[in-house]
Amino acid sequence: MGFKLNPYDLCVANSQIKGKQCTIAWYVDHNIILHVDDTVVTDIIEKIEVKFGIMTVTRGKHHVFLGMDITFNDNDGTVTILMNISRKRSPILAWMLPRLRQCRQR
């Protein structure tokens, strides 16, 4: 599919698809695929499922990823991330926040 592993985080891979960056990140059994075009995401999911089987897929404005409740807010272009206060701040959150800010700049 043309993805290249991120040399700083081997659980992240990037590819340019239709002139835009597509990012896949995974941690154990959690995965996230990011691209501005939903059809690109669908195509990648279908290719992954051919090799690894059917996945549970969530789409829309609200997601749960690695214990984080993530909500994309269309009205002001922000992203809200909530975590249970009993959990420690995870390294994945530190990785994800700058990337979510980049999504807002589209």
N, C-alpha and C. Protein backbone atom coordinates (compact mmCIF):
# COMPACT_ATOMS: atom_id res chain seq x y z
N MET A 1 0.82 -1.20 0.00
CA MET A 1 0.00 0.00 0.00
C MET A 1 0.86 1.26 0.00
N GLY A 2 2.17 1.10 0.08
CA GLY A 2 3.05 2.25 -0.02
C GLY A 2 3.31 2.99 1.27
N PHE A 3 2.98 2.41 2.42
CA PHE A 3 3.22 3.08 3.70
C PHE A 3 4.67 2.91 4.12
N LYS A 4 5.19 3.95 4.77
CA LYS A 4 6.54 3.89 5.32
C LYS A 4 6.46 4.09 6.82
N LEU A 5 7.18 3.24 7.56
CA LEU A 5 7.19 3.37 9.01
C LEU A 5 7.85 4.67 9.43
N ASN A 6 7.31 5.27 10.45
CA ASN A 6 7.89 6.46 11.05
C ASN A 6 9.14 6.03 11.81
N PRO A 7 10.30 6.59 11.50
CA PRO A 7 11.53 6.14 12.16
C PRO A 7 11.57 6.44 13.66
N TYR A 8 10.73 7.35 14.13
CA TYR A 8 10.70 7.72 15.54
C TYR A 8 9.66 6.93 16.33
N ASP A 9 8.69 6.36 15.64
CA ASP A 9 7.63 5.57 16.29
C ASP A 9 7.23 4.47 15.32
N LEU A 10 7.69 3.26 15.57
CA LEU A 10 7.47 2.15 14.64
C LEU A 10 6.05 1.61 14.68
N CYS A 11 5.17 2.22 15.45
CA CYS A 11 3.75 1.87 15.46
C CYS A 11 2.94 2.86 14.63
N VAL A 12 3.62 3.65 13.82
CA VAL A 12 2.98 4.65 12.96
C VAL A 12 3.55 4.52 11.56
N ALA A 13 2.67 4.54 10.58
CA ALA A 13 3.11 4.49 9.18
C ALA A 13 2.35 5.56 8.40
N ASN A 14 3.03 6.16 7.42
CA ASN A 14 2.45 7.23 6.62
C ASN A 14 2.60 6.95 5.14
N SER A 15 1.65 7.47 4.37
CA SER A 15 1.70 7.39 2.92
C SER A 15 0.98 8.58 2.33
N GLN A 16 1.41 9.04 1.17
CA GLN A 16 0.69 10.08 0.45
C GLN A 16 -0.32 9.40 -0.48
N ILE A 17 -1.60 9.66 -0.27
CA ILE A 17 -2.66 9.08 -1.09
C ILE A 17 -3.56 10.21 -1.56
N LYS A 18 -3.77 10.29 -2.86
CA LYS A 18 -4.56 11.37 -3.46
C LYS A 18 -4.03 12.74 -3.04
N GLY A 19 -2.72 12.85 -2.92
CA GLY A 19 -2.10 14.14 -2.60
C GLY A 19 -2.19 14.56 -1.15
N LYS A 20 -2.67 13.69 -0.27
CA LYS A 20 -2.80 14.02 1.15
C LYS A 20 -2.19 12.91 1.98
N GLN A 21 -1.73 13.26 3.18
CA GLN A 21 -1.12 12.26 4.04
C GLN A 21 -2.17 11.34 4.62
N CYS A 22 -1.86 10.06 4.62
CA CYS A 22 -2.66 9.04 5.29
C CYS A 22 -1.78 8.44 6.38
N THR A 23 -2.31 8.36 7.59
CA THR A 23 -1.57 7.83 8.72
C THR A 23 -2.31 6.64 9.31
N ILE A 24 -1.56 5.58 9.57
CA ILE A 24 -2.09 4.43 10.30
C ILE A 24 -1.25 4.30 11.56
N ALA A 25 -1.91 4.19 12.71
CA ALA A 25 -1.22 3.96 13.97
C ALA A 25 -1.87 2.76 14.64
N TRP A 26 -1.06 1.99 15.35
CA TRP A 26 -1.61 0.82 16.03
C TRP A 26 -0.90 0.63 17.36
N TYR A 27 -1.63 0.05 18.29
CA TYR A 27 -1.10 -0.29 19.60
C TYR A 27 -1.86 -1.52 20.07
N VAL A 28 -1.22 -2.65 20.09
CA VAL A 28 -1.80 -3.95 20.43
C VAL A 28 -2.98 -4.19 19.50
N ASP A 29 -4.22 -4.08 20.01
CA ASP A 29 -5.38 -4.34 19.16
C ASP A 29 -6.19 -3.08 18.87
N HIS A 30 -5.61 -1.92 19.10
CA HIS A 30 -6.24 -0.65 18.75
C HIS A 30 -5.55 -0.09 17.51
N ASN A 31 -6.35 0.39 16.58
CA ASN A 31 -5.82 0.96 15.34
C ASN A 31 -6.54 2.26 15.03
N ILE A 32 -5.87 3.13 14.34
CA ILE A 32 -6.51 4.36 13.87
C ILE A 32 -5.96 4.66 12.47
N ILE A 33 -6.87 5.03 11.57
CA ILE A 33 -6.50 5.40 10.21
C ILE A 33 -7.01 6.81 9.98
N LEU A 34 -6.13 7.70 9.55
CA LEU A 34 -6.50 9.10 9.35
C LEU A 34 -6.24 9.52 7.91
N HIS A 35 -7.26 10.09 7.28
CA HIS A 35 -7.13 10.69 5.95
C HIS A 35 -8.33 11.61 5.75
N VAL A 36 -8.17 12.67 4.98
CA VAL A 36 -9.26 13.61 4.77
C VAL A 36 -10.39 13.03 3.92
N ASP A 37 -10.10 11.99 3.15
CA ASP A 37 -11.08 11.38 2.24
C ASP A 37 -11.55 10.05 2.81
N ASP A 38 -12.84 9.95 3.16
CA ASP A 38 -13.39 8.72 3.73
C ASP A 38 -13.24 7.51 2.81
N THR A 39 -13.25 7.74 1.50
CA THR A 39 -13.13 6.59 0.59
C THR A 39 -11.74 5.97 0.67
N VAL A 40 -10.73 6.77 0.96
CA VAL A 40 -9.38 6.25 1.15
C VAL A 40 -9.34 5.37 2.39
N VAL A 41 -9.94 5.82 3.46
CA VAL A 41 -9.99 5.03 4.70
C VAL A 41 -10.70 3.71 4.44
N THR A 42 -11.84 3.75 3.75
CA THR A 42 -12.58 2.53 3.43
C THR A 42 -11.74 1.56 2.63
N ASP A 43 -11.03 2.06 1.63
CA ASP A 43 -10.19 1.21 0.80
C ASP A 43 -9.09 0.53 1.62
N ILE A 44 -8.47 1.27 2.52
CA ILE A 44 -7.41 0.71 3.35
C ILE A 44 -7.98 -0.35 4.30
N ILE A 45 -9.13 -0.06 4.90
CA ILE A 45 -9.77 -1.04 5.79
C ILE A 45 -10.05 -2.33 5.04
N GLU A 46 -10.58 -2.22 3.83
CA GLU A 46 -10.89 -3.42 3.04
C GLU A 46 -9.62 -4.22 2.74
N LYS A 47 -8.53 -3.56 2.42
CA LYS A 47 -7.27 -4.26 2.14
C LYS A 47 -6.72 -4.94 3.39
N ILE A 48 -6.82 -4.29 4.53
CA ILE A 48 -6.35 -4.88 5.78
C ILE A 48 -7.20 -6.10 6.14
N GLU A 49 -8.52 -5.97 5.96
CA GLU A 49 -9.42 -7.08 6.31
C GLU A 49 -9.21 -8.31 5.44
N VAL A 50 -8.78 -8.13 4.19
CA VAL A 50 -8.49 -9.28 3.33
C VAL A 50 -7.39 -10.13 3.97
N LYS A 51 -6.41 -9.48 4.56
CA LYS A 51 -5.27 -10.20 5.13
C LYS A 51 -5.51 -10.66 6.57
N PHE A 52 -6.19 -9.83 7.38
CA PHE A 52 -6.28 -10.09 8.81
C PHE A 52 -7.68 -10.39 9.32
N GLY A 53 -8.69 -10.30 8.48
CA GLY A 53 -10.06 -10.57 8.92
C GLY A 53 -10.82 -9.29 9.24
N ILE A 54 -12.09 -9.46 9.49
CA ILE A 54 -13.00 -8.32 9.72
C ILE A 54 -12.63 -7.60 11.01
N MET A 55 -12.61 -6.28 10.94
CA MET A 55 -12.32 -5.43 12.09
C MET A 55 -13.59 -4.72 12.54
N THR A 56 -13.61 -4.32 13.79
CA THR A 56 -14.66 -3.44 14.28
C THR A 56 -14.27 -2.02 13.87
N VAL A 57 -15.15 -1.34 13.17
CA VAL A 57 -14.85 -0.01 12.63
C VAL A 57 -15.83 1.00 13.22
N THR A 58 -15.32 2.11 13.69
CA THR A 58 -16.18 3.22 14.11
C THR A 58 -15.85 4.43 13.24
N ARG A 59 -16.90 5.13 12.85
CA ARG A 59 -16.75 6.35 12.05
C ARG A 59 -17.61 7.43 12.68
N GLY A 60 -17.31 8.62 12.34
CA GLY A 60 -18.13 9.71 12.86
C GLY A 60 -17.32 10.65 13.72
N LYS A 61 -18.02 11.33 14.59
CA LYS A 61 -17.41 12.40 15.38
C LYS A 61 -16.93 11.94 16.75
N HIS A 62 -17.33 10.73 17.20
CA HIS A 62 -16.93 10.26 18.53
C HIS A 62 -16.26 8.90 18.42
N HIS A 63 -15.10 8.77 19.09
CA HIS A 63 -14.35 7.52 19.07
C HIS A 63 -13.76 7.26 20.46
N VAL A 64 -13.54 5.99 20.75
CA VAL A 64 -12.79 5.60 21.94
C VAL A 64 -11.53 4.92 21.44
N PHE A 65 -10.38 5.48 21.82
CA PHE A 65 -9.08 4.96 21.37
C PHE A 65 -8.13 4.96 22.55
N LEU A 66 -7.67 3.77 22.93
CA LEU A 66 -6.73 3.60 24.05
C LEU A 66 -7.22 4.30 25.32
N GLY A 67 -8.49 4.13 25.62
CA GLY A 67 -9.05 4.70 26.84
C GLY A 67 -9.39 6.17 26.75
N MET A 68 -9.20 6.77 25.60
CA MET A 68 -9.54 8.19 25.42
C MET A 68 -10.87 8.30 24.70
N ASP A 69 -11.74 9.16 25.18
CA ASP A 69 -12.97 9.51 24.46
C ASP A 69 -12.64 10.73 23.60
N ILE A 70 -12.69 10.55 22.29
CA ILE A 70 -12.29 11.61 21.35
C ILE A 70 -13.53 12.08 20.60
N THR A 71 -13.79 13.37 20.64
CA THR A 71 -14.92 13.96 19.93
C THR A 71 -14.43 15.10 19.05
N PHE A 72 -14.76 15.01 17.76
CA PHE A 72 -14.43 16.06 16.80
C PHE A 72 -15.61 17.03 16.76
N ASN A 73 -15.34 18.31 17.00
CA ASN A 73 -16.38 19.33 17.09
C ASN A 73 -16.40 20.16 15.81
N ASP A 74 -17.40 19.93 14.97
CA ASP A 74 -17.50 20.66 13.70
C ASP A 74 -17.75 22.15 13.87
N ASN A 75 -18.49 22.52 14.92
CA ASN A 75 -18.88 23.92 15.06
C ASN A 75 -17.69 24.86 15.23
N ASP A 76 -16.62 24.39 15.88
CA ASP A 76 -15.47 25.28 16.05
C ASP A 76 -14.14 24.65 15.62
N GLY A 77 -14.20 23.45 15.03
CA GLY A 77 -13.00 22.80 14.51
C GLY A 77 -12.06 22.26 15.58
N THR A 78 -12.54 22.11 16.81
CA THR A 78 -11.70 21.59 17.87
C THR A 78 -11.91 20.09 18.07
N VAL A 79 -11.02 19.52 18.85
CA VAL A 79 -11.13 18.11 19.24
C VAL A 79 -11.12 18.06 20.76
N THR A 80 -12.07 17.33 21.33
CA THR A 80 -12.13 17.16 22.78
C THR A 80 -11.66 15.75 23.10
N ILE A 81 -10.70 15.64 24.02
CA ILE A 81 -10.20 14.33 24.44
C ILE A 81 -10.38 14.23 25.95
N LEU A 82 -11.14 13.23 26.37
CA LEU A 82 -11.39 12.99 27.78
C LEU A 82 -10.84 11.63 28.17
N MET A 83 -10.29 11.56 29.37
CA MET A 83 -9.80 10.30 29.91
C MET A 83 -10.28 10.17 31.34
N ASN A 84 -10.44 8.93 31.78
CA ASN A 84 -10.77 8.66 33.16
C ASN A 84 -9.65 9.23 34.03
N ILE A 85 -9.99 10.00 35.04
CA ILE A 85 -8.96 10.68 35.83
C ILE A 85 -8.09 9.71 36.63
N SER A 86 -8.51 8.47 36.78
CA SER A 86 -7.69 7.52 37.53
C SER A 86 -6.56 6.95 36.69
N ARG A 87 -6.58 7.20 35.39
CA ARG A 87 -5.53 6.70 34.51
C ARG A 87 -4.42 7.74 34.36
N LYS A 88 -3.20 7.24 34.24
CA LYS A 88 -2.08 8.14 34.01
C LYS A 88 -2.10 8.62 32.57
N ARG A 89 -1.57 9.78 32.33
CA ARG A 89 -1.46 10.30 30.96
C ARG A 89 -0.59 9.35 30.15
N SER A 90 -1.09 8.93 29.01
CA SER A 90 -0.39 7.91 28.23
C SER A 90 0.53 8.54 27.19
N PRO A 91 1.59 7.82 26.79
CA PRO A 91 2.47 8.33 25.74
C PRO A 91 1.73 8.51 24.42
N ILE A 92 0.71 7.67 24.17
CA ILE A 92 -0.03 7.80 22.91
C ILE A 92 -0.77 9.13 22.85
N LEU A 93 -1.26 9.61 23.99
CA LEU A 93 -1.93 10.91 24.01
C LEU A 93 -0.94 12.01 23.65
N ALA A 94 0.26 11.94 24.20
CA ALA A 94 1.28 12.93 23.87
C ALA A 94 1.61 12.89 22.38
N TRP A 95 1.59 11.68 21.81
CA TRP A 95 1.86 11.54 20.37
C TRP A 95 0.69 12.08 19.55
N MET A 96 -0.53 11.84 20.01
CA MET A 96 -1.72 12.12 19.21
C MET A 96 -2.09 13.61 19.18
N LEU A 97 -1.91 14.32 20.28
CA LEU A 97 -2.37 15.71 20.36
C LEU A 97 -1.79 16.61 19.26
N PRO A 98 -0.48 16.60 18.99
CA PRO A 98 0.03 17.46 17.92
C PRO A 98 -0.55 17.10 16.55
N ARG A 99 -0.79 15.81 16.32
CA ARG A 99 -1.34 15.38 15.03
C ARG A 99 -2.80 15.82 14.88
N LEU A 100 -3.53 15.81 15.99
CA LEU A 100 -4.92 16.28 15.93
C LEU A 100 -4.96 17.78 15.67
N ARG A 101 -4.00 18.51 16.21
CA ARG A 101 -3.93 19.95 15.94
C ARG A 101 -3.65 20.20 14.46
N GLN A 102 -2.81 19.36 13.85
CA GLN A 102 -2.53 19.50 12.42
C GLN A 102 -3.78 19.26 11.59
N CYS A 103 -4.64 18.35 12.02
CA CYS A 103 -5.88 18.07 11.29
C CYS A 103 -6.75 19.32 11.23
N ARG A 104 -6.72 20.12 12.28
CA ARG A 104 -7.53 21.34 12.32
C ARG A 104 -7.07 22.35 11.28
N GLN A 105 -5.81 22.31 10.90
CA GLN A 105 -5.25 23.29 9.97
C GLN A 105 -5.60 23.01 8.52
N ARG A 106 -6.32 21.91 8.24
CA ARG A 106 -6.68 21.57 6.86
C ARG A 106 -7.52 22.63 6.24
